[in-house]
C-alpha atoms as a PDB file:
ATOM      1  CA  UNK A   1     -34.116  19.715  26.264  1.00  0.00           C
ATOM      2  CA  UNK A   2     -32.041  17.133  28.125  1.00  0.00           C
ATOM      3  CA  UNK A   3     -31.643  13.639  26.742  1.00  0.00           C
ATOM      4  CA  UNK A   4     -32.423  12.019  30.124  1.00  0.00           C
ATOM      5  CA  UNK A   5     -35.095  12.555  32.794  1.00  0.00           C
ATOM      6  CA  UNK A   6     -32.637  12.940  35.691  1.00  0.00           C
ATOM      7  CA  UNK A   7     -28.942  13.517  36.367  1.00  0.00           C
ATOM      8  CA  UNK A   8     -28.653  10.047  37.919  1.00  0.00           C
ATOM      9  CA  UNK A   9     -30.034   8.455  34.767  1.00  0.00           C
ATOM     10  CA  UNK A  10     -27.546  10.481  32.698  1.00  0.00           C
ATOM     11  CA  UNK A  11     -24.612   9.379  34.861  1.00  0.00           C
ATOM     12  CA  UNK A  12     -25.626   5.709  34.629  1.00  0.00           C
ATOM     13  CA  UNK A  13     -26.148   5.878  30.868  1.00  0.00           C
ATOM     14  CA  UNK A  14     -22.850   7.700  30.191  1.00  0.00           C
ATOM     15  CA  UNK A  15     -20.974   5.263  32.446  1.00  0.00           C
ATOM     16  CA  UNK A  16     -22.515   2.362  30.508  1.00  0.00           C
ATOM     17  CA  UNK A  17     -21.482   3.961  27.196  1.00  0.00           C
ATOM     18  CA  UNK A  18     -17.905   4.406  28.443  1.00  0.00           C
ATOM     19  CA  UNK A  19     -17.764   0.744  29.523  1.00  0.00           C
ATOM     20  CA  UNK A  20     -19.095  -0.372  26.120  1.00  0.00           C
ATOM     21  CA  UNK A  21     -16.502   1.797  24.341  1.00  0.00           C
ATOM     22  CA  UNK A  22     -13.690   0.275  26.409  1.00  0.00           C
ATOM     23  CA  UNK A  23     -14.926  -3.256  25.671  1.00  0.00           C
ATOM     24  CA  UNK A  24     -15.194  -2.515  21.946  1.00  0.00           C
ATOM     25  CA  UNK A  25     -11.697  -1.061  21.991  1.00  0.00           C
ATOM     26  CA  UNK A  26     -10.356  -4.255  23.579  1.00  0.00           C
ATOM     27  CA  UNK A  27     -12.173  -6.404  20.999  1.00  0.00           C
ATOM     28  CA  UNK A  28     -10.889  -4.346  18.059  1.00  0.00           C
ATOM     29  CA  UNK A  29      -7.348  -4.420  19.428  1.00  0.00           C
ATOM     30  CA  UNK A  30      -7.506  -8.200  19.923  1.00  0.00           C
ATOM     31  CA  UNK A  31      -8.804  -8.764  16.375  1.00  0.00           C
ATOM     32  CA  UNK A  32      -6.121  -6.546  14.835  1.00  0.00           C
ATOM     33  CA  UNK A  33      -3.312  -8.173  16.821  1.00  0.00           C
ATOM     34  CA  UNK A  34      -4.353 -11.667  15.700  1.00  0.00           C
ATOM     35  CA  UNK A  35      -5.225 -10.884  12.084  1.00  0.00           C
ATOM     36  CA  UNK A  36      -2.563 -10.857   9.384  1.00  0.00           C
ATOM     37  CA  UNK A  37      -5.021 -10.320   6.523  1.00  0.00           C
ATOM     38  CA  UNK A  38      -5.989  -6.769   7.505  1.00  0.00           C
ATOM     39  CA  UNK A  39      -3.430  -4.244   6.180  1.00  0.00           C
ATOM     40  CA  UNK A  40      -1.694  -2.127   8.802  1.00  0.00           C
ATOM     41  CA  UNK A  41      -2.905   1.112   7.246  1.00  0.00           C
ATOM     42  CA  UNK A  42      -6.547   0.044   7.809  1.00  0.00           C
ATOM     43  CA  UNK A  43      -5.792  -0.937  11.398  1.00  0.00           C
ATOM     44  CA  UNK A  44      -4.343   2.497  12.075  1.00  0.00           C
ATOM     45  CA  UNK A  45      -7.268   4.273  10.388  1.00  0.00           C
ATOM     46  CA  UNK A  46      -9.899   2.303  12.294  1.00  0.00           C
ATOM     47  CA  UNK A  47      -8.148   2.891  15.631  1.00  0.00           C
ATOM     48  CA  UNK A  48      -7.933   6.617  15.019  1.00  0.00           C
ATOM     49  CA  UNK A  49     -11.544   6.947  13.875  1.00  0.00           C
ATOM     50  CA  UNK A  50     -12.852   4.817  16.743  1.00  0.00           C
ATOM     51  CA  UNK A  51     -11.107   6.993  19.336  1.00  0.00           C
ATOM     52  CA  UNK A  52     -12.269  10.237  17.729  1.00  0.00           C
ATOM     53  CA  UNK A  53     -15.881   9.024  17.461  1.00  0.00           C
ATOM     54  CA  UNK A  54     -15.798   7.774  21.063  1.00  0.00           C
ATOM     55  CA  UNK A  55     -14.585  11.171  22.283  1.00  0.00           C
ATOM     56  CA  UNK A  56     -17.279  13.011  20.344  1.00  0.00           C
ATOM     57  CA  UNK A  57     -20.050  10.696  21.649  1.00  0.00           C
ATOM     58  CA  UNK A  58     -18.999  11.073  25.293  1.00  0.00           C
ATOM     59  CA  UNK A  59     -18.731  14.863  24.996  1.00  0.00           C
ATOM     60  CA  UNK A  60     -22.152  15.071  23.324  1.00  0.00           C
ATOM     61  CA  UNK A  61     -23.799  13.007  26.054  1.00  0.00           C
ATOM     62  CA  UNK A  62     -22.069  15.027  28.780  1.00  0.00           C
ATOM     63  CA  UNK A  63     -23.164  18.357  27.313  1.00  0.00           C
ATOM     64  CA  UNK A  64     -26.736  17.355  26.476  1.00  0.00           C
ATOM     65  CA  UNK A  65     -27.613  14.580  28.899  1.00  0.00           C
ATOM     66  CA  UNK A  66     -27.950  16.300  32.294  1.00  0.00           C
ATOM     67  CA  UNK A  67     -31.300  18.039  32.988  1.00  0.00           C
ATOM     68  CA  UNK A  68     -29.748  20.366  35.589  1.00  0.00           C
ATOM     69  CA  UNK A  69     -27.393  21.768  32.983  1.00  0.00           C
ATOM     70  CA  UNK A  70     -30.298  22.414  30.621  1.00  0.00           C
ATOM     71  CA  UNK A  71     -32.612  24.007  33.238  1.00  0.00           C
ATOM     72  CA  UNK A  72     -30.014  26.354  34.733  1.00  0.00           C
ATOM     73  CA  UNK A  73     -27.969  28.356  32.202  1.00  0.00           C
ATOM     74  CA  UNK A  74     -25.334  28.901  34.884  1.00  0.00           C
ATOM     75  CA  UNK A  75     -24.496  25.176  34.992  1.00  0.00           C
ATOM     76  CA  UNK A  76     -24.285  25.046  31.214  1.00  0.00           C
ATOM     77  CA  UNK A  77     -21.955  28.046  31.184  1.00  0.00           C
ATOM     78  CA  UNK A  78     -19.747  26.452  33.851  1.00  0.00           C
ATOM     79  CA  UNK A  79     -19.592  23.141  31.983  1.00  0.00           C
ATOM     80  CA  UNK A  80     -18.860  24.819  28.654  1.00  0.00           C
ATOM     81  CA  UNK A  81     -16.149  26.959  30.240  1.00  0.00           C
ATOM     82  CA  UNK A  82     -14.604  23.940  31.923  1.00  0.00           C
ATOM     83  CA  UNK A  83     -14.515  21.960  28.664  1.00  0.00           C
ATOM     84  CA  UNK A  84     -12.997  24.936  26.811  1.00  0.00           C
ATOM     85  CA  UNK A  85     -10.364  25.411  29.500  1.00  0.00           C
ATOM     86  CA  UNK A  86      -9.510  21.701  29.489  1.00  0.00           C
ATOM     87  CA  UNK A  87      -9.113  21.680  25.700  1.00  0.00           C
ATOM     88  CA  UNK A  88      -7.010  24.840  25.767  1.00  0.00           C
ATOM     89  CA  UNK A  89      -4.792  23.347  28.496  1.00  0.00           C
ATOM     90  CA  UNK A  90      -4.439  20.035  26.667  1.00  0.00           C
ATOM     91  CA  UNK A  91      -3.700  21.713  23.342  1.00  0.00           C
ATOM     92  CA  UNK A  92      -0.079  22.241  24.425  1.00  0.00           C
ATOM     93  CA  UNK A  93       0.473  18.532  25.009  1.00  0.00           C
ATOM     94  CA  UNK A  94      -1.689  15.463  24.573  1.00  0.00           C
ATOM     95  CA  UNK A  95      -4.394  17.133  22.524  1.00  0.00           C
ATOM     96  CA  UNK A  96      -1.859  18.546  20.050  1.00  0.00           C
ATOM     97  CA  UNK A  97      -0.350  15.055  19.698  1.00  0.00           C
ATOM     98  CA  UNK A  98      -3.800  13.624  18.963  1.00  0.00           C
ATOM     99  CA  UNK A  99      -4.390  16.277  16.304  1.00  0.00           C
ATOM    100  CA  UNK A 100      -0.945  15.566  14.839  1.00  0.00           C
ATOM    101  CA  UNK A 101      -1.700  11.820  14.873  1.00  0.00           C
ATOM    102  CA  UNK A 102      -4.946  12.453  13.029  1.00  0.00           C
ATOM    103  CA  UNK A 103      -2.994  14.507  10.473  1.00  0.00           C
ATOM    104  CA  UNK A 104      -0.502  11.649  10.027  1.00  0.00           C
ATOM    105  CA  UNK A 105      -3.412   9.295   9.364  1.00  0.00           C
ATOM    106  CA  UNK A 106      -4.698  11.579   6.600  1.00  0.00           C
ATOM    107  CA  UNK A 107      -1.349  12.548   5.039  1.00  0.00           C
ATOM    108  CA  UNK A 108       0.234   9.075   5.413  1.00  0.00           C
ATOM    109  CA  UNK A 109       3.909  10.027   5.030  1.00  0.00           C
ATOM    110  CA  UNK A 110       4.806   6.492   6.143  1.00  0.00           C
ATOM    111  CA  UNK A 111       3.310   3.165   7.232  1.00  0.00           C
ATOM    112  CA  UNK A 112       4.311   0.437   9.666  1.00  0.00           C
ATOM    113  CA  UNK A 113       7.520  -1.382   8.565  1.00  0.00           C
ATOM    114  CA  UNK A 114       8.644   1.545   6.392  1.00  0.00           C
ATOM    115  CA  UNK A 115      12.284   2.603   6.658  1.00  0.00           C
ATOM    116  CA  UNK A 116      12.192   6.300   7.520  1.00  0.00           C
ATOM    117  CA  UNK A 117      14.269   9.211   8.726  1.00  0.00           C
ATOM    118  CA  UNK A 118      12.417  11.471  11.177  1.00  0.00           C
ATOM    119  CA  UNK A 119      14.621  14.388  12.112  1.00  0.00           C
ATOM    120  CA  UNK A 120      17.965  12.727  12.867  1.00  0.00           C
ATOM    121  CA  UNK A 121      16.497   9.301  13.714  1.00  0.00           C
ATOM    122  CA  UNK A 122      16.686   6.542  11.092  1.00  0.00           C
ATOM    123  CA  UNK A 123      14.937   3.196  11.492  1.00  0.00           C
ATOM    124  CA  UNK A 124      11.862   1.079  10.839  1.00  0.00           C
ATOM    125  CA  UNK A 125       8.408   2.277  11.921  1.00  0.00           C
ATOM    126  CA  UNK A 126       7.085  -0.186  14.489  1.00  0.00           C
ATOM    127  CA  UNK A 127       3.904   1.446  15.833  1.00  0.00           C
ATOM    128  CA  UNK A 128       1.776   4.476  14.991  1.00  0.00           C
ATOM    129  CA  UNK A 129      -0.430   5.380  17.923  1.00  0.00           C
ATOM    130  CA  UNK A 130      -2.853   8.180  18.671  1.00  0.00           C
ATOM    131  CA  UNK A 131      -0.229  10.331  20.407  1.00  0.00           C
ATOM    132  CA  UNK A 132       3.156   8.878  19.439  1.00  0.00           C
ATOM    133  CA  UNK A 133       5.129   6.980  16.815  1.00  0.00           C
ATOM    134  CA  UNK A 134       7.784   4.361  17.628  1.00  0.00           C
ATOM    135  CA  UNK A 135      10.713   3.625  15.323  1.00  0.00           C
ATOM    136  CA  UNK A 136      13.376   0.968  15.832  1.00  0.00           C
ATOM    137  CA  UNK A 137      16.895   1.930  14.805  1.00  0.00           C
ATOM    138  CA  UNK A 138      19.313  -0.542  13.294  1.00  0.00           C
ATOM    139  CA  UNK A 139      21.073  -0.636  16.641  1.00  0.00           C
ATOM    140  CA  UNK A 140      17.860  -2.191  18.028  1.00  0.00           C
ATOM    141  CA  UNK A 141      16.923   0.928  19.980  1.00  0.00           C
ATOM    142  CA  UNK A 142      13.236   1.887  20.187  1.00  0.00           C
ATOM    143  CA  UNK A 143      12.726   5.645  19.840  1.00  0.00           C
ATOM    144  CA  UNK A 144       9.327   7.080  20.764  1.00  0.00           C
ATOM    145  CA  UNK A 145       8.547  10.409  19.112  1.00  0.00           C
ATOM    146  CA  UNK A 146       5.399  12.377  19.931  1.00  0.00           C
ATOM    147  CA  UNK A 147       3.220  12.897  16.875  1.00  0.00           C
ATOM    148  CA  UNK A 148       3.528  16.662  17.222  1.00  0.00           C
ATOM    149  CA  UNK A 149       7.328  16.227  16.978  1.00  0.00           C
ATOM    150  CA  UNK A 150       6.959  13.908  14.003  1.00  0.00           C
ATOM    151  CA  UNK A 151       4.656  16.233  12.074  1.00  0.00           C
ATOM    152  CA  UNK A 152       7.020  19.189  12.637  1.00  0.00           C
ATOM    153  CA  UNK A 153      10.184  17.248  11.681  1.00  0.00           C
ATOM    154  CA  UNK A 154      11.641  16.580   8.273  1.00  0.00           C
ATOM    155  CA  UNK A 155      10.389  13.133   7.207  1.00  0.00           C
ATOM    156  CA  UNK A 156      12.199  11.064   4.582  1.00  0.00           C
ATOM    157  CA  UNK A 157      10.606   7.746   3.627  1.00  0.00           C
ATOM    158  CA  UNK A 158      13.144   5.306   2.189  1.00  0.00           C
ATOM    159  CA  UNK A 159      10.455   2.714   1.395  1.00  0.00           C
ATOM    160  CA  UNK A 160       8.833   2.701  -2.024  1.00  0.00           C
ATOM    161  CA  UNK A 161       5.474   0.977  -2.389  1.00  0.00           C
ATOM    162  CA  UNK A 162       5.639  -0.765  -5.732  1.00  0.00           C
ATOM    163  CA  UNK A 163       1.990  -1.768  -5.981  1.00  0.00           C
ATOM    164  CA  UNK A 164       0.860   1.831  -6.534  1.00  0.00           C
ATOM    165  CA  UNK A 165       3.030   2.245  -9.635  1.00  0.00           C
ATOM    166  CA  UNK A 166       1.345   1.411 -12.925  1.00  0.00           C
ATOM    167  CA  UNK A 167       3.934   2.413 -15.526  1.00  0.00           C
ATOM    168  CA  UNK A 168       7.546   1.291 -15.852  1.00  0.00           C
ATOM    169  CA  UNK A 169       8.772   4.844 -16.481  1.00  0.00           C
ATOM    170  CA  UNK A 170       7.296   5.952 -13.132  1.00  0.00           C
ATOM    171  CA  UNK A 171       8.792   2.921 -11.425  1.00  0.00           C
ATOM    172  CA  UNK A 172      12.247   3.608 -12.856  1.00  0.00           C
ATOM    173  CA  UNK A 173      12.173   7.252 -11.819  1.00  0.00           C
ATOM    174  CA  UNK A 174      11.103   6.447  -8.248  1.00  0.00           C
ATOM    175  CA  UNK A 175      13.423   3.488  -7.743  1.00  0.00           C
ATOM    176  CA  UNK A 176      16.378   5.648  -8.792  1.00  0.00           C
ATOM    177  CA  UNK A 177      15.259   8.515  -6.569  1.00  0.00           C
ATOM    178  CA  UNK A 178      14.771   6.641  -3.336  1.00  0.00           C
ATOM    179  CA  UNK A 179      16.986   9.204  -1.653  1.00  0.00           C
ATOM    180  CA  UNK A 180      17.816  12.505  -3.340  1.00  0.00           C
ATOM    181  CA  UNK A 181      21.233  12.764  -1.757  1.00  0.00           C
ATOM    182  CA  UNK A 182      22.274   9.351  -3.085  1.00  0.00           C
ATOM    183  CA  UNK A 183      22.871   9.268  -6.874  1.00  0.00           C
ATOM    184  CA  UNK A 184      21.759   6.143  -8.812  1.00  0.00           C
ATOM    185  CA  UNK A 185      25.325   5.249  -9.771  1.00  0.00           C
ATOM    186  CA  UNK A 186      28.716   4.566  -8.210  1.00  0.00           C
ATOM    187  CA  UNK A 187      31.224   7.376  -8.873  1.00  0.00           C
ATOM    188  CA  UNK A 188      34.116   5.226  -7.649  1.00  0.00           C
ATOM    189  CA  UNK A 189      34.146   3.193 -10.846  1.00  0.00           C
ATOM    190  CA  UNK A 190      35.295   4.417 -14.221  1.00  0.00           C
ATOM    191  CA  UNK A 191      32.548   2.530 -16.043  1.00  0.00           C
ATOM    192  CA  UNK A 192      29.802   3.783 -13.732  1.00  0.00           C
ATOM    193  CA  UNK A 193      26.371   3.437 -15.313  1.00  0.00           C
ATOM    194  CA  UNK A 194      22.792   3.550 -14.129  1.00  0.00           C
ATOM    195  CA  UNK A 195      21.064   0.280 -13.253  1.00  0.00           C
ATOM    196  CA  UNK A 196      20.267  -1.813 -16.290  1.00  0.00           C
ATOM    197  CA  UNK A 197      16.784  -1.253 -17.705  1.00  0.00           C
ATOM    198  CA  UNK A 198      16.569  -4.999 -18.267  1.00  0.00           C
ATOM    199  CA  UNK A 199      16.980  -5.743 -14.553  1.00  0.00           C
ATOM    200  CA  UNK A 200      14.539  -3.003 -13.593  1.00  0.00           C
ATOM    201  CA  UNK A 201      11.961  -4.290 -16.063  1.00  0.00           C
ATOM    202  CA  UNK A 202      12.308  -7.804 -14.660  1.00  0.00           C
ATOM    203  CA  UNK A 203      11.710  -6.457 -11.146  1.00  0.00           C
ATOM    204  CA  UNK A 204       8.757  -4.406 -12.364  1.00  0.00           C
ATOM    205  CA  UNK A 205       7.133  -7.399 -14.077  1.00  0.00           C
ATOM    206  CA  UNK A 206       7.725  -9.964 -11.331  1.00  0.00           C
ATOM    207  CA  UNK A 207       6.987  -7.788  -8.290  1.00  0.00           C
ATOM    208  CA  UNK A 208       4.864  -4.822  -9.305  1.00  0.00           C
ATOM    209  CA  UNK A 209       2.501  -6.700 -11.587  1.00  0.00           C
ATOM    210  CA  UNK A 210       1.786  -9.288  -8.884  1.00  0.00           C
ATOM    211  CA  UNK A 211      -1.035  -7.580  -6.991  1.00  0.00           C
ATOM    212  CA  UNK A 212      -1.058 -10.234  -4.268  1.00  0.00           C
ATOM    213  CA  UNK A 213       2.484  -9.396  -3.206  1.00  0.00           C
ATOM    214  CA  UNK A 214       2.142  -5.611  -3.359  1.00  0.00           C
ATOM    215  CA  UNK A 215       5.765  -5.284  -2.121  1.00  0.00           C
ATOM    216  CA  UNK A 216       7.910  -2.356  -1.062  1.00  0.00           C
ATOM    217  CA  UNK A 217      11.561  -1.636  -1.707  1.00  0.00           C
ATOM    218  CA  UNK A 218      13.259  -0.558   1.536  1.00  0.00           C
ATOM    219  CA  UNK A 219      16.498   1.422   1.685  1.00  0.00           C
ATOM    220  CA  UNK A 220      19.052   1.807   4.446  1.00  0.00           C
ATOM    221  CA  UNK A 221      21.763   4.409   3.958  1.00  0.00           C
ATOM    222  CA  UNK A 222      24.760   4.757   6.265  1.00  0.00           C
ATOM    223  CA  UNK A 223      28.259   6.270   6.237  1.00  0.00           C
ATOM    224  CA  UNK A 224      31.636   4.699   6.977  1.00  0.00           C
ATOM    225  CA  UNK A 225      35.104   6.209   7.157  1.00  0.00           C
ATOM    226  CA  UNK A 226      38.060   4.781   5.243  1.00  0.00           C
ATOM    227  CA  UNK A 227      41.803   5.481   5.469  1.00  0.00           C
ATOM    228  CA  UNK A 228      43.659   6.838   2.430  1.00  0.00           C
ATOM    229  CA  UNK A 229      46.244   4.076   2.622  1.00  0.00           C
ATOM    230  CA  UNK A 230      45.610   1.425  -0.075  1.00  0.00           C
ATOM    231  CA  UNK A 231      42.158   2.808  -0.708  1.00  0.00           C
ATOM    232  CA  UNK A 232      41.937   1.374  -4.234  1.00  0.00           C
ATOM    233  CA  UNK A 233      42.697  -2.114  -2.950  1.00  0.00           C
ATOM    234  CA  UNK A 234      40.060  -1.660  -0.243  1.00  0.00           C
ATOM    235  CA  UNK A 235      37.518  -0.691  -2.907  1.00  0.00           C
ATOM    236  CA  UNK A 236      38.219  -3.899  -4.812  1.00  0.00           C
ATOM    237  CA  UNK A 237      37.624  -5.881  -1.610  1.00  0.00           C
ATOM    238  CA  UNK A 238      34.373  -3.980  -0.960  1.00  0.00           C
ATOM    239  CA  UNK A 239      33.157  -4.879  -4.449  1.00  0.00           C
ATOM    240  CA  UNK A 240      33.524  -8.555  -3.512  1.00  0.00           C
ATOM    241  CA  UNK A 241      31.622  -7.969  -0.241  1.00  0.00           C
ATOM    242  CA  UNK A 242      28.795  -6.312  -2.184  1.00  0.00           C
ATOM    243  CA  UNK A 243      28.614  -9.253  -4.580  1.00  0.00           C
ATOM    244  CA  UNK A 244      28.448 -11.608  -1.597  1.00  0.00           C
ATOM    245  CA  UNK A 245      25.387  -9.825  -0.181  1.00  0.00           C
ATOM    246  CA  UNK A 246      23.613  -9.325  -3.491  1.00  0.00           C
ATOM    247  CA  UNK A 247      21.521 -12.467  -3.053  1.00  0.00           C
ATOM    248  CA  UNK A 248      20.986 -11.787   0.654  1.00  0.00           C
ATOM    249  CA  UNK A 249      19.323  -8.408   0.147  1.00  0.00           C
ATOM    250  CA  UNK A 250      18.015  -9.077  -3.360  1.00  0.00           C
ATOM    251  CA  UNK A 251      19.804  -5.981  -4.652  1.00  0.00           C
ATOM    252  CA  UNK A 252      23.498  -5.259  -5.104  1.00  0.00           C
ATOM    253  CA  UNK A 253      24.691  -2.984  -2.254  1.00  0.00           C
ATOM    254  CA  UNK A 254      26.062   0.275  -3.661  1.00  0.00           C
ATOM    255  CA  UNK A 255      28.380   2.963  -2.374  1.00  0.00           C
ATOM    256  CA  UNK A 256      29.995   6.298  -3.218  1.00  0.00           C
ATOM    257  CA  UNK A 257      32.585   8.721  -1.828  1.00  0.00           C
ATOM    258  CA  UNK A 258      30.910  11.748  -0.256  1.00  0.00           C
ATOM    259  CA  UNK A 259      33.811  13.518   1.464  1.00  0.00           C
ATOM    260  CA  UNK A 260      37.605  13.739   1.551  1.00  0.00           C
ATOM    261  CA  UNK A 261      39.022  15.004   4.877  1.00  0.00           C
ATOM    262  CA  UNK A 262      41.302  13.367   7.431  1.00  0.00           C
ATOM    263  CA  UNK A 263      39.680  10.163   6.222  1.00  0.00           C
ATOM    264  CA  UNK A 264      37.538   9.245   3.228  1.00  0.00           C
ATOM    265  CA  UNK A 265      33.813   9.105   3.980  1.00  0.00           C
ATOM    266  CA  UNK A 266      31.865   6.551   1.946  1.00  0.00           C
ATOM    267  CA  UNK A 267      28.083   6.277   1.855  1.00  0.00           C
ATOM    268  CA  UNK A 268      26.533   2.814   1.473  1.00  0.00           C
ATOM    269  CA  UNK A 269      23.027   2.033   0.322  1.00  0.00           C
ATOM    270  CA  UNK A 270      21.349  -1.303   1.026  1.00  0.00           C
ATOM    271  CA  UNK A 271      18.065  -2.163  -0.706  1.00  0.00           C
ATOM    272  CA  UNK A 272      15.743  -5.053   0.096  1.00  0.00           C
ATOM    273  CA  UNK A 273      12.113  -6.135  -0.144  1.00  0.00           C
ATOM    274  CA  UNK A 274      12.183  -7.273   3.499  1.00  0.00           C
ATOM    275  CA  UNK A 275      13.165  -4.666   6.131  1.00  0.00           C
ATOM    276  CA  UNK A 276      13.959  -7.441   8.626  1.00  0.00           C
ATOM    277  CA  UNK A 277      16.879  -8.420   6.377  1.00  0.00           C
ATOM    278  CA  UNK A 278      18.439  -5.079   7.272  1.00  0.00           C
ATOM    279  CA  UNK A 279      18.315  -5.870  10.991  1.00  0.00           C
ATOM    280  CA  UNK A 280      19.769  -9.336  10.469  1.00  0.00           C
ATOM    281  CA  UNK A 281      22.459  -8.742   7.852  1.00  0.00           C
ATOM    282  CA  UNK A 282      23.427  -5.038   7.914  1.00  0.00           C
ATOM    283  CA  UNK A 283      25.719  -5.545  10.965  1.00  0.00           C
ATOM    284  CA  UNK A 284      27.349  -8.504   9.209  1.00  0.00           C
ATOM    285  CA  UNK A 285      27.781  -6.463   6.030  1.00  0.00           C
ATOM    286  CA  UNK A 286      29.429  -3.624   7.977  1.00  0.00           C
ATOM    287  CA  UNK A 287      31.660  -6.122   9.814  1.00  0.00           C
ATOM    288  CA  UNK A 288      32.840  -7.620   6.507  1.00  0.00           C
ATOM    289  CA  UNK A 289      33.613  -4.122   5.218  1.00  0.00           C
ATOM    290  CA  UNK A 290      35.693  -3.390   8.345  1.00  0.00           C
ATOM    291  CA  UNK A 291      37.503  -6.700   7.832  1.00  0.00           C
ATOM    292  CA  UNK A 292      38.543  -5.567   4.363  1.00  0.00           C
ATOM    293  CA  UNK A 293      39.775  -2.221   5.737  1.00  0.00           C
ATOM    294  CA  UNK A 294      41.919  -3.907   8.416  1.00  0.00           C
ATOM    295  CA  UNK A 295      43.251  -6.439   5.929  1.00  0.00           C
ATOM    296  CA  UNK A 296      44.968  -3.728   3.882  1.00  0.00           C
ATOM    297  CA  UNK A 297      45.940  -1.499   6.818  1.00  0.00           C
ATOM    298  CA  UNK A 298      47.745  -3.863   9.138  1.00  0.00           C
ATOM    299  CA  UNK A 299      51.191  -2.696  10.287  1.00  0.00           C
END
């Protein structure tokens, strides 16, 4: 039995529902854009659920609202076939991205402002939409990746949410394993040791225990090439640069040799509680490192 007495009534009612959905979407978007108290993860979840529910409601009304479709099985078969064909056609593109976006909402491999590596792209997550995810690289380039690409790529999240960690032993293990390819010590130094437990405990007590802050530790890892000439002197200069930026990032920048070839490849790791510090000071840090290299390699 049809929900409405006539096809005209069904069209008017469905059109009104669509208008209401669009208005509600605008209101929700406005509230989220002007509210700093609502966490980003809830904003993303509500947006996803609202769009899915809206789609289901419109499809239900379209399939069950028109009397002509209910009275004549032929019309119902045509409508059902058309919907199936449209879904099958869309499954290779937009629809698959929507499904992938829904999966990202459930799995939550990252959140807005996390430092991530998706495939070969490294940067900060700026937006997570129904069909795509935008990340901003540290060269200030916005990269839009479809959610189907994101879900099928290797995802590495360099941001550690401290508020979820209850025990110090778990915190220590995670903070030292922010990136599996980067050991928690500096092999360039003879007295290389792991980070002091005292410093880690202080961070755990002051940041993790404060539920209002609920901070994250963000990592940025990048490579630089060094000449062999006067390399030990360069390393001493780099140590001074790292000390200079310790207070800027809140953590001492660390580095290690990862390859010896025509030049020496060194991997740097910057850690901070504020990802925007990476955008502002990482270029300056790299520039100071290059200054040290040129200082000891002038003709």
